Amino acid sequence: MIFKQETQILKCTFEKEHFSKVKAAFKDRWPVVYIIEDDEKGQAYIGESTNICTRICDHWNNTERRALKNIYIIFNLKSASNLNGNLNCSKELEHYAS
């Protein structure tokens, strides 16, 4: 499993004013896995991206996703190019959520 000490999860509310913080934190960290969710509604979107800043803006422009409350960004501290590990993580999360 890819969840080792190098893997971190950043949580913030899914609001446009937080996107600049995400951009500053992730300009050199790619790829990432992310979850946008609203626990009260029981809804979540799981995805992966090599450009989280662009991707969250795309989701913000989607009215269904804009209604979600929190975003969790899962990333690896040591490997900015751990695409396979992140894809495995994304698939596991999607399987778990279904």
C-alpha atoms as a PDB file:
ATOM      1  CA  MET A   1       0.000   0.000   0.000  1.00  0.00           C
ATOM      2  CA  ILE A   2       1.286   3.489  -0.775  1.00  0.00           C
ATOM      3  CA  PHE A   3       0.331   5.050   2.569  1.00  0.00           C
ATOM      4  CA  LYS A   4       3.781   5.518   4.058  1.00  0.00           C
ATOM      5  CA  GLN A   5       5.286   8.301   6.145  1.00  0.00           C
ATOM      6  CA  GLU A   6       5.981  10.356   3.020  1.00  0.00           C
ATOM      7  CA  THR A   7       2.274  10.549   2.175  1.00  0.00           C
ATOM      8  CA  GLN A   8       0.384  13.559   3.525  1.00  0.00           C
ATOM      9  CA  ILE A   9      -3.221  14.747   3.370  1.00  0.00           C
ATOM     10  CA  LEU A  10      -4.107  18.424   3.239  1.00  0.00           C
ATOM     11  CA  LYS A  11      -7.690  19.333   4.139  1.00  0.00           C
ATOM     12  CA  CYS A  12      -9.354  22.667   3.491  1.00  0.00           C
ATOM     13  CA  THR A  13     -12.819  23.939   2.816  1.00  0.00           C
ATOM     14  CA  PHE A  14     -13.727  23.914  -0.860  1.00  0.00           C
ATOM     15  CA  GLU A  15     -14.002  27.686  -1.307  1.00  0.00           C
ATOM     16  CA  LYS A  16     -12.430  29.808  -4.007  1.00  0.00           C
ATOM     17  CA  GLU A  17     -10.530  32.005  -1.553  1.00  0.00           C
ATOM     18  CA  HIS A  18      -8.449  28.946  -0.546  1.00  0.00           C
ATOM     19  CA  PHE A  19      -7.312  28.173  -4.108  1.00  0.00           C
ATOM     20  CA  SER A  20      -4.330  30.535  -3.901  1.00  0.00           C
ATOM     21  CA  LYS A  21      -3.092  28.628  -0.830  1.00  0.00           C
ATOM     22  CA  VAL A  22      -3.420  25.366  -2.738  1.00  0.00           C
ATOM     23  CA  LYS A  23      -1.549  26.874  -5.678  1.00  0.00           C
ATOM     24  CA  ALA A  24       1.313  28.000  -3.439  1.00  0.00           C
ATOM     25  CA  ALA A  25       1.508  24.634  -1.673  1.00  0.00           C
ATOM     26  CA  PHE A  26       1.331  22.453  -4.782  1.00  0.00           C
ATOM     27  CA  LYS A  27       3.101  24.327  -7.546  1.00  0.00           C
ATOM     28  CA  ASP A  28       5.912  21.723  -7.568  1.00  0.00           C
ATOM     29  CA  ARG A  29       4.063  18.711  -6.150  1.00  0.00           C
ATOM     30  CA  TRP A  30       2.432  16.539  -8.721  1.00  0.00           C
ATOM     31  CA  PRO A  31       0.572  14.319  -9.211  1.00  0.00           C
ATOM     32  CA  VAL A  32      -1.999  14.323  -6.423  1.00  0.00           C
ATOM     33  CA  VAL A  33      -5.150  12.436  -5.536  1.00  0.00           C
ATOM     34  CA  TYR A  34      -8.016  14.512  -4.198  1.00  0.00           C
ATOM     35  CA  ILE A  35     -11.454  14.068  -2.688  1.00  0.00           C
ATOM     36  CA  ILE A  36     -14.073  16.800  -2.775  1.00  0.00           C
ATOM     37  CA  GLU A  37     -16.876  15.904  -0.402  1.00  0.00           C
ATOM     38  CA  ASP A  38     -19.846  16.915   1.679  1.00  0.00           C
ATOM     39  CA  ASP A  39     -20.359  14.478   4.545  1.00  0.00           C
ATOM     40  CA  GLU A  40     -23.816  15.856   5.369  1.00  0.00           C
ATOM     41  CA  LYS A  41     -25.030  15.187   1.814  1.00  0.00           C
ATOM     42  CA  GLY A  42     -23.165  11.892   1.584  1.00  0.00           C
ATOM     43  CA  GLN A  43     -21.541  12.960  -1.690  1.00  0.00           C
ATOM     44  CA  ALA A  44     -17.936  12.817  -2.826  1.00  0.00           C
ATOM     45  CA  TYR A  45     -15.845  13.135  -5.976  1.00  0.00           C
ATOM     46  CA  ILE A  46     -12.495  11.328  -6.154  1.00  0.00           C
ATOM     47  CA  GLY A  47      -9.917  12.220  -8.775  1.00  0.00           C
ATOM     48  CA  GLU A  48      -6.263  12.548  -9.597  1.00  0.00           C
ATOM     49  CA  SER A  49      -4.453  15.330 -11.360  1.00  0.00           C
ATOM     50  CA  THR A  50      -1.024  16.505 -12.392  1.00  0.00           C
ATOM     51  CA  ASN A  51      -2.261  20.094 -12.053  1.00  0.00           C
ATOM     52  CA  ILE A  52      -4.435  20.393  -8.956  1.00  0.00           C
ATOM     53  CA  CYS A  53      -4.808  24.166  -9.296  1.00  0.00           C
ATOM     54  CA  THR A  54      -6.410  23.973 -12.731  1.00  0.00           C
ATOM     55  CA  ARG A  55      -8.462  20.943 -11.754  1.00  0.00           C
ATOM     56  CA  ILE A  56     -10.044  22.478  -8.656  1.00  0.00           C
ATOM     57  CA  CYS A  57     -10.961  25.567 -10.689  1.00  0.00           C
ATOM     58  CA  ASP A  58     -12.659  23.260 -13.211  1.00  0.00           C
ATOM     59  CA  HIS A  59     -14.602  21.641 -10.365  1.00  0.00           C
ATOM     60  CA  TRP A  60     -15.498  25.045  -8.918  1.00  0.00           C
ATOM     61  CA  ASN A  61     -17.097  25.952 -12.269  1.00  0.00           C
ATOM     62  CA  ASN A  62     -19.304  22.832 -12.037  1.00  0.00           C
ATOM     63  CA  THR A  63     -22.408  23.766 -10.016  1.00  0.00           C
ATOM     64  CA  GLU A  64     -22.855  20.244  -8.601  1.00  0.00           C
ATOM     65  CA  ARG A  65     -19.284  20.080  -7.329  1.00  0.00           C
ATOM     66  CA  ARG A  66     -19.270  23.673  -6.099  1.00  0.00           C
ATOM     67  CA  ALA A  67     -21.925  22.611  -3.579  1.00  0.00           C
ATOM     68  CA  LEU A  68     -19.461  20.210  -1.922  1.00  0.00           C
ATOM     69  CA  LYS A  69     -17.824  21.466   1.276  1.00  0.00           C
ATOM     70  CA  ASN A  70     -14.296  20.087   1.773  1.00  0.00           C
ATOM     71  CA  ILE A  71     -11.322  19.051  -0.298  1.00  0.00           C
ATOM     72  CA  TYR A  72      -8.655  16.578   0.769  1.00  0.00           C
ATOM     73  CA  ILE A  73      -5.457  16.562  -1.269  1.00  0.00           C
ATOM     74  CA  ILE A  74      -3.294  13.463  -0.919  1.00  0.00           C
ATOM     75  CA  PHE A  75       0.319  13.862  -1.967  1.00  0.00           C
ATOM     76  CA  ASN A  76       3.760  12.364  -1.487  1.00  0.00           C
ATOM     77  CA  LEU A  77       6.479  14.482   0.139  1.00  0.00           C
ATOM     78  CA  LYS A  78       9.426  12.666  -1.392  1.00  0.00           C
ATOM     79  CA  SER A  79       8.329  11.888  -4.908  1.00  0.00           C
ATOM     80  CA  ALA A  80       6.821  14.537  -7.123  1.00  0.00           C
ATOM     81  CA  SER A  81       6.564  11.981  -9.932  1.00  0.00           C
ATOM     82  CA  ASN A  82       4.810   9.144  -8.078  1.00  0.00           C
ATOM     83  CA  LEU A  83       2.023   8.869 -10.655  1.00  0.00           C
ATOM     84  CA  ASN A  84       1.606   5.095 -10.384  1.00  0.00           C
ATOM     85  CA  GLY A  85       1.311   5.243  -6.614  1.00  0.00           C
ATOM     86  CA  ASN A  86      -1.272   7.989  -6.810  1.00  0.00           C
ATOM     87  CA  LEU A  87      -3.276   6.172  -9.478  1.00  0.00           C
ATOM     88  CA  ASN A  88      -3.333   3.084  -7.255  1.00  0.00           C
ATOM     89  CA  CYS A  89      -4.483   5.236  -4.347  1.00  0.00           C
ATOM     90  CA  SER A  90      -7.237   6.789  -6.448  1.00  0.00           C
ATOM     91  CA  LYS A  91      -8.488   3.380  -7.625  1.00  0.00           C
ATOM     92  CA  GLU A  92      -8.500   2.032  -4.049  1.00  0.00           C
ATOM     93  CA  LEU A  93     -10.474   5.053  -2.820  1.00  0.00           C
ATOM     94  CA  GLU A  94     -12.986   4.761  -5.666  1.00  0.00           C
ATOM     95  CA  HIS A  95     -13.429   1.048  -4.930  1.00  0.00           C
ATOM     96  CA  TYR A  96     -13.868   1.740  -1.205  1.00  0.00           C
ATOM     97  CA  ALA A  97     -16.407   4.520  -1.852  1.00  0.00           C
ATOM     98  CA  SER A  98     -18.580   2.482  -4.217  1.00  0.00           C
END
